Amino acid sequence: MSKTRLIALLAMIAPYCPADDLITTRENLFAPVSDLHQSQERCYADLDLNADGTNDLVLSESMSLGGTGGLIFNLYLGVGNDRYRLMDQFLAGVMAVETNGHGRLLWSYSHMSAGSGTLQYRSFDRKGRYEVSPAITIYPKDGGSDIANGVYNAIFGEKTRLIMTTIGTSNKGLLRTGAPQTVRKTAKP
């Protein structure tokens, strides 16, 4: 058997690699949600988190799945040609981007109760490895300590807060509380 035929045969019987499924296109990521019980509304932000010159993407799940803790977000690493690799999924009510000497940090805060929440960041180290900090609980806002309020305000100030773009439309069937439906302009992703 020739070397070329052996390589072709091995390629045909190569084991399935689930990591291949983690790479998807921007078109697939922004496709309408297939579950009719979920709102089509989502939000996203493009940013270059690992400073490689290719935009990465933070994309929420359907806004109808959000709660008091925030929304479920997916962090995708841009791999070029409008393709992305899923890096992480996390809950966040507010996010901020901080640029420091080592790169960029994506901070997230998620409410746990009326007066407390978890704070953590995601980043890439100098060698390109993805890191998630341990989550810490802080008590900002009413009844919180001066330190917790200072930390929260320093991270999530107006200059660093991540601005998200809303896309899609809400699903009237999900408005169970009778709240008035707001009309938002949809942005093209």
C-alpha atoms as a PDB file:
ATOM      1  CA  MET A   1       0.000   0.000   0.000  1.00  0.00           C
ATOM      2  CA  SER A   2       1.385   3.390  -0.974  1.00  0.00           C
ATOM      3  CA  LYS A   3       2.019   6.089   1.585  1.00  0.00           C
ATOM      4  CA  THR A   4      -0.607   8.381  -0.029  1.00  0.00           C
ATOM      5  CA  ARG A   5      -3.307   5.683   0.154  1.00  0.00           C
ATOM      6  CA  LEU A   6      -2.435   4.959   3.791  1.00  0.00           C
ATOM      7  CA  ILE A   7      -2.761   8.648   4.712  1.00  0.00           C
ATOM      8  CA  ALA A   8      -6.097   8.878   2.872  1.00  0.00           C
ATOM      9  CA  LEU A   9      -7.356   5.724   4.629  1.00  0.00           C
ATOM     10  CA  LEU A  10      -6.292   7.038   8.052  1.00  0.00           C
ATOM     11  CA  ALA A  11      -7.999  10.364   7.341  1.00  0.00           C
ATOM     12  CA  MET A  12     -11.263   8.539   6.578  1.00  0.00           C
ATOM     13  CA  ILE A  13     -11.208   6.582   9.837  1.00  0.00           C
ATOM     14  CA  ALA A  14      -9.848   9.405  12.014  1.00  0.00           C
ATOM     15  CA  PRO A  15     -11.682   9.610  15.323  1.00  0.00           C
ATOM     16  CA  TYR A  16     -14.362  12.236  15.740  1.00  0.00           C
ATOM     17  CA  CYS A  17     -13.071  15.250  17.603  1.00  0.00           C
ATOM     18  CA  PRO A  18     -15.726  17.198  19.575  1.00  0.00           C
ATOM     19  CA  ALA A  19     -13.484  20.287  19.591  1.00  0.00           C
ATOM     20  CA  ASP A  20     -14.265  20.684  15.881  1.00  0.00           C
ATOM     21  CA  ASP A  21     -17.889  21.425  16.840  1.00  0.00           C
ATOM     22  CA  LEU A  22     -16.788  24.362  18.947  1.00  0.00           C
ATOM     23  CA  ILE A  23     -15.816  26.373  15.856  1.00  0.00           C
ATOM     24  CA  THR A  24     -18.757  28.068  14.196  1.00  0.00           C
ATOM     25  CA  THR A  25     -19.446  30.984  11.902  1.00  0.00           C
ATOM     26  CA  ARG A  26     -20.832  34.392  12.783  1.00  0.00           C
ATOM     27  CA  GLU A  27     -23.821  33.641  10.543  1.00  0.00           C
ATOM     28  CA  ASN A  28     -24.672  30.553  12.625  1.00  0.00           C
ATOM     29  CA  LEU A  29     -24.238  32.432  15.896  1.00  0.00           C
ATOM     30  CA  PHE A  30     -26.670  35.158  14.821  1.00  0.00           C
ATOM     31  CA  ALA A  31     -29.256  32.803  13.327  1.00  0.00           C
ATOM     32  CA  PRO A  32     -32.744  33.144  14.842  1.00  0.00           C
ATOM     33  CA  VAL A  33     -33.401  31.097  17.979  1.00  0.00           C
ATOM     34  CA  SER A  34     -35.276  27.942  16.952  1.00  0.00           C
ATOM     35  CA  ASP A  35     -37.343  27.609  20.144  1.00  0.00           C
ATOM     36  CA  LEU A  36     -40.615  29.519  19.685  1.00  0.00           C
ATOM     37  CA  HIS A  37     -40.994  29.792  23.468  1.00  0.00           C
ATOM     38  CA  GLN A  38     -37.902  31.982  23.648  1.00  0.00           C
ATOM     39  CA  SER A  39     -37.589  35.614  22.670  1.00  0.00           C
ATOM     40  CA  GLN A  40     -35.460  36.312  19.609  1.00  0.00           C
ATOM     41  CA  GLU A  41     -33.890  39.233  21.498  1.00  0.00           C
ATOM     42  CA  ARG A  42     -30.219  38.879  22.340  1.00  0.00           C
ATOM     43  CA  CYS A  43     -27.353  41.264  22.861  1.00  0.00           C
ATOM     44  CA  TYR A  44     -23.727  41.191  21.802  1.00  0.00           C
ATOM     45  CA  ALA A  45     -20.440  43.074  21.800  1.00  0.00           C
ATOM     46  CA  ASP A  46     -17.398  42.716  19.574  1.00  0.00           C
ATOM     47  CA  LEU A  47     -14.040  43.182  21.292  1.00  0.00           C
ATOM     48  CA  ASP A  48     -10.486  41.960  20.871  1.00  0.00           C
ATOM     49  CA  LEU A  49      -9.971  40.370  24.268  1.00  0.00           C
ATOM     50  CA  ASN A  50      -6.712  38.578  23.485  1.00  0.00           C
ATOM     51  CA  ALA A  51      -5.191  41.489  21.480  1.00  0.00           C
ATOM     52  CA  ASP A  52      -4.451  39.357  18.399  1.00  0.00           C
ATOM     53  CA  GLY A  53      -6.103  41.804  15.974  1.00  0.00           C
ATOM     54  CA  THR A  54      -9.186  39.584  15.446  1.00  0.00           C
ATOM     55  CA  ASN A  55     -12.460  40.515  17.111  1.00  0.00           C
ATOM     56  CA  ASP A  56     -13.810  38.166  19.741  1.00  0.00           C
ATOM     57  CA  LEU A  57     -17.500  38.064  20.587  1.00  0.00           C
ATOM     58  CA  VAL A  58     -19.661  38.180  23.706  1.00  0.00           C
ATOM     59  CA  LEU A  59     -23.178  36.988  22.787  1.00  0.00           C
ATOM     60  CA  SER A  60     -26.105  36.480  25.153  1.00  0.00           C
ATOM     61  CA  GLU A  61     -28.582  33.677  25.107  1.00  0.00           C
ATOM     62  CA  SER A  62     -32.204  34.692  24.597  1.00  0.00           C
ATOM     63  CA  MET A  63     -33.128  37.627  26.827  1.00  0.00           C
ATOM     64  CA  SER A  64     -36.223  35.694  27.908  1.00  0.00           C
ATOM     65  CA  LEU A  65     -33.884  33.358  29.837  1.00  0.00           C
ATOM     66  CA  GLY A  66     -32.491  36.209  31.964  1.00  0.00           C
ATOM     67  CA  GLY A  67     -33.275  36.623  35.629  1.00  0.00           C
ATOM     68  CA  THR A  68     -32.235  38.792  38.536  1.00  0.00           C
ATOM     69  CA  GLY A  69     -28.677  37.461  38.277  1.00  0.00           C
ATOM     70  CA  GLY A  70     -28.377  38.670  34.692  1.00  0.00           C
ATOM     71  CA  LEU A  71     -28.178  36.954  31.328  1.00  0.00           C
ATOM     72  CA  ILE A  72     -26.302  33.885  30.188  1.00  0.00           C
ATOM     73  CA  PHE A  73     -23.421  34.978  27.953  1.00  0.00           C
ATOM     74  CA  ASN A  74     -21.168  32.987  25.648  1.00  0.00           C
ATOM     75  CA  LEU A  75     -17.620  34.167  25.034  1.00  0.00           C
ATOM     76  CA  TYR A  76     -16.285  33.288  21.591  1.00  0.00           C
ATOM     77  CA  LEU A  77     -12.662  33.632  20.516  1.00  0.00           C
ATOM     78  CA  GLY A  78     -12.352  34.968  16.965  1.00  0.00           C
ATOM     79  CA  VAL A  79     -10.218  32.605  14.860  1.00  0.00           C
ATOM     80  CA  GLY A  80     -10.482  34.594  11.599  1.00  0.00           C
ATOM     81  CA  ASN A  81     -12.753  34.569   8.551  1.00  0.00           C
ATOM     82  CA  ASP A  82     -15.829  35.295  10.711  1.00  0.00           C
ATOM     83  CA  ARG A  83     -15.316  32.011  12.587  1.00  0.00           C
ATOM     84  CA  TYR A  84     -15.366  31.627  16.366  1.00  0.00           C
ATOM     85  CA  ARG A  85     -14.407  29.091  19.020  1.00  0.00           C
ATOM     86  CA  LEU A  86     -16.574  28.852  22.147  1.00  0.00           C
ATOM     87  CA  MET A  87     -14.397  29.636  25.174  1.00  0.00           C
ATOM     88  CA  ASP A  88     -16.798  30.053  28.075  1.00  0.00           C
ATOM     89  CA  GLN A  89     -20.367  30.506  29.225  1.00  0.00           C
ATOM     90  CA  PHE A  90     -21.186  32.667  32.235  1.00  0.00           C
ATOM     91  CA  LEU A  91     -23.900  34.642  34.002  1.00  0.00           C
ATOM     92  CA  ALA A  92     -23.581  38.435  34.129  1.00  0.00           C
ATOM     93  CA  GLY A  93     -25.738  41.422  34.896  1.00  0.00           C
ATOM     94  CA  VAL A  94     -23.104  43.978  33.931  1.00  0.00           C
ATOM     95  CA  MET A  95     -19.699  43.714  32.232  1.00  0.00           C
ATOM     96  CA  ALA A  96     -16.698  45.980  31.814  1.00  0.00           C
ATOM     97  CA  VAL A  97     -13.466  45.849  29.840  1.00  0.00           C
ATOM     98  CA  GLU A  98     -10.226  46.958  31.452  1.00  0.00           C
ATOM     99  CA  THR A  99      -7.000  47.380  29.523  1.00  0.00           C
ATOM    100  CA  ASN A 100      -3.826  46.994  31.519  1.00  0.00           C
ATOM    101  CA  GLY A 101      -0.170  46.229  30.798  1.00  0.00           C
ATOM    102  CA  HIS A 102      -0.908  42.537  30.256  1.00  0.00           C
ATOM    103  CA  GLY A 103      -3.886  42.864  27.894  1.00  0.00           C
ATOM    104  CA  ARG A 104      -7.613  43.161  28.470  1.00  0.00           C
ATOM    105  CA  LEU A 105      -9.785  41.893  31.291  1.00  0.00           C
ATOM    106  CA  LEU A 106     -13.496  41.194  30.777  1.00  0.00           C
ATOM    107  CA  TRP A 107     -15.092  41.818  34.187  1.00  0.00           C
ATOM    108  CA  SER A 108     -18.545  40.479  35.052  1.00  0.00           C
ATOM    109  CA  TYR A 109     -20.868  41.006  37.989  1.00  0.00           C
ATOM    110  CA  SER A 110     -23.892  38.815  38.673  1.00  0.00           C
ATOM    111  CA  HIS A 111     -26.467  39.518  41.405  1.00  0.00           C
ATOM    112  CA  MET A 112     -26.903  36.826  44.040  1.00  0.00           C
ATOM    113  CA  SER A 113     -29.368  38.777  46.174  1.00  0.00           C
ATOM    114  CA  ALA A 114     -30.590  42.349  46.561  1.00  0.00           C
ATOM    115  CA  GLY A 115     -27.331  43.450  48.141  1.00  0.00           C
ATOM    116  CA  SER A 116     -24.674  41.000  46.998  1.00  0.00           C
ATOM    117  CA  GLY A 117     -23.203  39.495  43.892  1.00  0.00           C
ATOM    118  CA  THR A 118     -20.221  37.700  42.407  1.00  0.00           C
ATOM    119  CA  LEU A 119     -17.388  39.475  40.673  1.00  0.00           C
ATOM    120  CA  GLN A 120     -14.821  37.861  38.393  1.00  0.00           C
ATOM    121  CA  TYR A 121     -12.813  38.469  35.240  1.00  0.00           C
ATOM    122  CA  ARG A 122     -11.818  36.566  32.125  1.00  0.00           C
ATOM    123  CA  SER A 123      -8.611  37.193  30.202  1.00  0.00           C
ATOM    124  CA  PHE A 124      -5.806  35.739  28.148  1.00  0.00           C
ATOM    125  CA  ASP A 125      -2.330  35.619  29.640  1.00  0.00           C
ATOM    126  CA  ARG A 126       0.825  36.633  27.748  1.00  0.00           C
ATOM    127  CA  LYS A 127       1.136  33.137  26.296  1.00  0.00           C
ATOM    128  CA  GLY A 128      -2.426  33.198  24.947  1.00  0.00           C
ATOM    129  CA  ARG A 129      -3.902  30.887  27.590  1.00  0.00           C
ATOM    130  CA  TYR A 130      -7.471  31.619  28.659  1.00  0.00           C
ATOM    131  CA  GLU A 131      -7.956  32.363  32.365  1.00  0.00           C
ATOM    132  CA  VAL A 132     -10.988  32.841  34.589  1.00  0.00           C
ATOM    133  CA  SER A 133     -10.419  34.392  37.990  1.00  0.00           C
ATOM    134  CA  PRO A 134     -11.968  32.897  41.103  1.00  0.00           C
ATOM    135  CA  ALA A 135     -15.354  34.488  41.824  1.00  0.00           C
ATOM    136  CA  ILE A 136     -15.538  36.708  44.866  1.00  0.00           C
ATOM    137  CA  THR A 137     -18.688  37.863  46.612  1.00  0.00           C
ATOM    138  CA  ILE A 138     -19.034  41.586  47.192  1.00  0.00           C
ATOM    139  CA  TYR A 139     -21.769  43.628  48.846  1.00  0.00           C
ATOM    140  CA  PRO A 140     -22.159  46.868  46.883  1.00  0.00           C
ATOM    141  CA  LYS A 141     -25.148  49.240  46.744  1.00  0.00           C
ATOM    142  CA  ASP A 142     -27.444  49.773  49.731  1.00  0.00           C
ATOM    143  CA  GLY A 143     -26.019  48.345  52.909  1.00  0.00           C
ATOM    144  CA  GLY A 144     -22.728  47.442  51.254  1.00  0.00           C
ATOM    145  CA  SER A 145     -19.334  48.351  52.575  1.00  0.00           C
ATOM    146  CA  ASP A 146     -17.395  51.356  51.323  1.00  0.00           C
ATOM    147  CA  ILE A 147     -14.748  48.978  49.975  1.00  0.00           C
ATOM    148  CA  ALA A 148     -17.277  46.918  47.982  1.00  0.00           C
ATOM    149  CA  ASN A 149     -18.899  50.072  46.587  1.00  0.00           C
ATOM    150  CA  GLY A 150     -15.485  51.428  45.655  1.00  0.00           C
ATOM    151  CA  VAL A 151     -14.497  48.206  43.885  1.00  0.00           C
ATOM    152  CA  TYR A 152     -17.797  48.023  41.990  1.00  0.00           C
ATOM    153  CA  ASN A 153     -17.689  51.695  40.943  1.00  0.00           C
ATOM    154  CA  ALA A 154     -14.016  51.496  39.908  1.00  0.00           C
ATOM    155  CA  ILE A 155     -14.614  48.477  37.654  1.00  0.00           C
ATOM    156  CA  PHE A 156     -18.023  49.317  36.219  1.00  0.00           C
ATOM    157  CA  GLY A 157     -17.608  53.058  35.658  1.00  0.00           C
ATOM    158  CA  GLU A 158     -18.860  54.816  32.543  1.00  0.00           C
ATOM    159  CA  LYS A 159     -15.494  54.601  30.761  1.00  0.00           C
ATOM    160  CA  THR A 160     -15.073  50.846  31.158  1.00  0.00           C
ATOM    161  CA  ARG A 161     -18.640  49.487  30.997  1.00  0.00           C
ATOM    162  CA  LEU A 162     -19.127  47.146  28.041  1.00  0.00           C
ATOM    163  CA  ILE A 163     -21.778  48.544  25.697  1.00  0.00           C
ATOM    164  CA  MET A 164     -23.947  45.809  24.207  1.00  0.00           C
ATOM    165  CA  THR A 165     -25.976  45.944  20.973  1.00  0.00           C
ATOM    166  CA  THR A 166     -29.481  44.439  21.062  1.00  0.00           C
ATOM    167  CA  ILE A 167     -30.628  42.350  18.115  1.00  0.00           C
ATOM    168  CA  GLY A 168     -33.800  40.421  17.330  1.00  0.00           C
ATOM    169  CA  THR A 169     -37.361  40.929  18.462  1.00  0.00           C
ATOM    170  CA  SER A 170     -39.185  39.995  21.634  1.00  0.00           C
ATOM    171  CA  ASN A 171     -41.850  37.315  21.692  1.00  0.00           C
ATOM    172  CA  LYS A 172     -45.269  38.648  22.793  1.00  0.00           C
ATOM    173  CA  GLY A 173     -46.231  35.246  24.174  1.00  0.00           C
ATOM    174  CA  LEU A 174     -43.538  35.600  26.818  1.00  0.00           C
ATOM    175  CA  LEU A 175     -44.932  38.764  28.365  1.00  0.00           C
ATOM    176  CA  ARG A 176     -46.793  37.042  31.181  1.00  0.00           C
ATOM    177  CA  THR A 177     -46.787  40.032  33.529  1.00  0.00           C
ATOM    178  CA  GLY A 178     -48.719  42.317  31.209  1.00  0.00           C
ATOM    179  CA  ALA A 179     -45.824  44.765  31.043  1.00  0.00           C
ATOM    180  CA  PRO A 180     -45.890  47.017  27.990  1.00  0.00           C
ATOM    181  CA  GLN A 181     -43.718  45.755  25.177  1.00  0.00           C
ATOM    182  CA  THR A 182     -40.963  48.143  24.125  1.00  0.00           C
ATOM    183  CA  VAL A 183     -40.012  48.445  20.499  1.00  0.00           C
ATOM    184  CA  ARG A 184     -36.272  48.485  19.866  1.00  0.00           C
ATOM    185  CA  LYS A 185     -34.437  49.057  16.661  1.00  0.00           C
ATOM    186  CA  THR A 186     -32.651  45.908  15.619  1.00  0.00           C
ATOM    187  CA  ALA A 187     -29.014  46.136  14.712  1.00  0.00           C
ATOM    188  CA  LYS A 188     -27.396  44.053  12.018  1.00  0.00           C
ATOM    189  CA  PRO A 189     -24.713  41.870  13.598  1.00  0.00           C
END
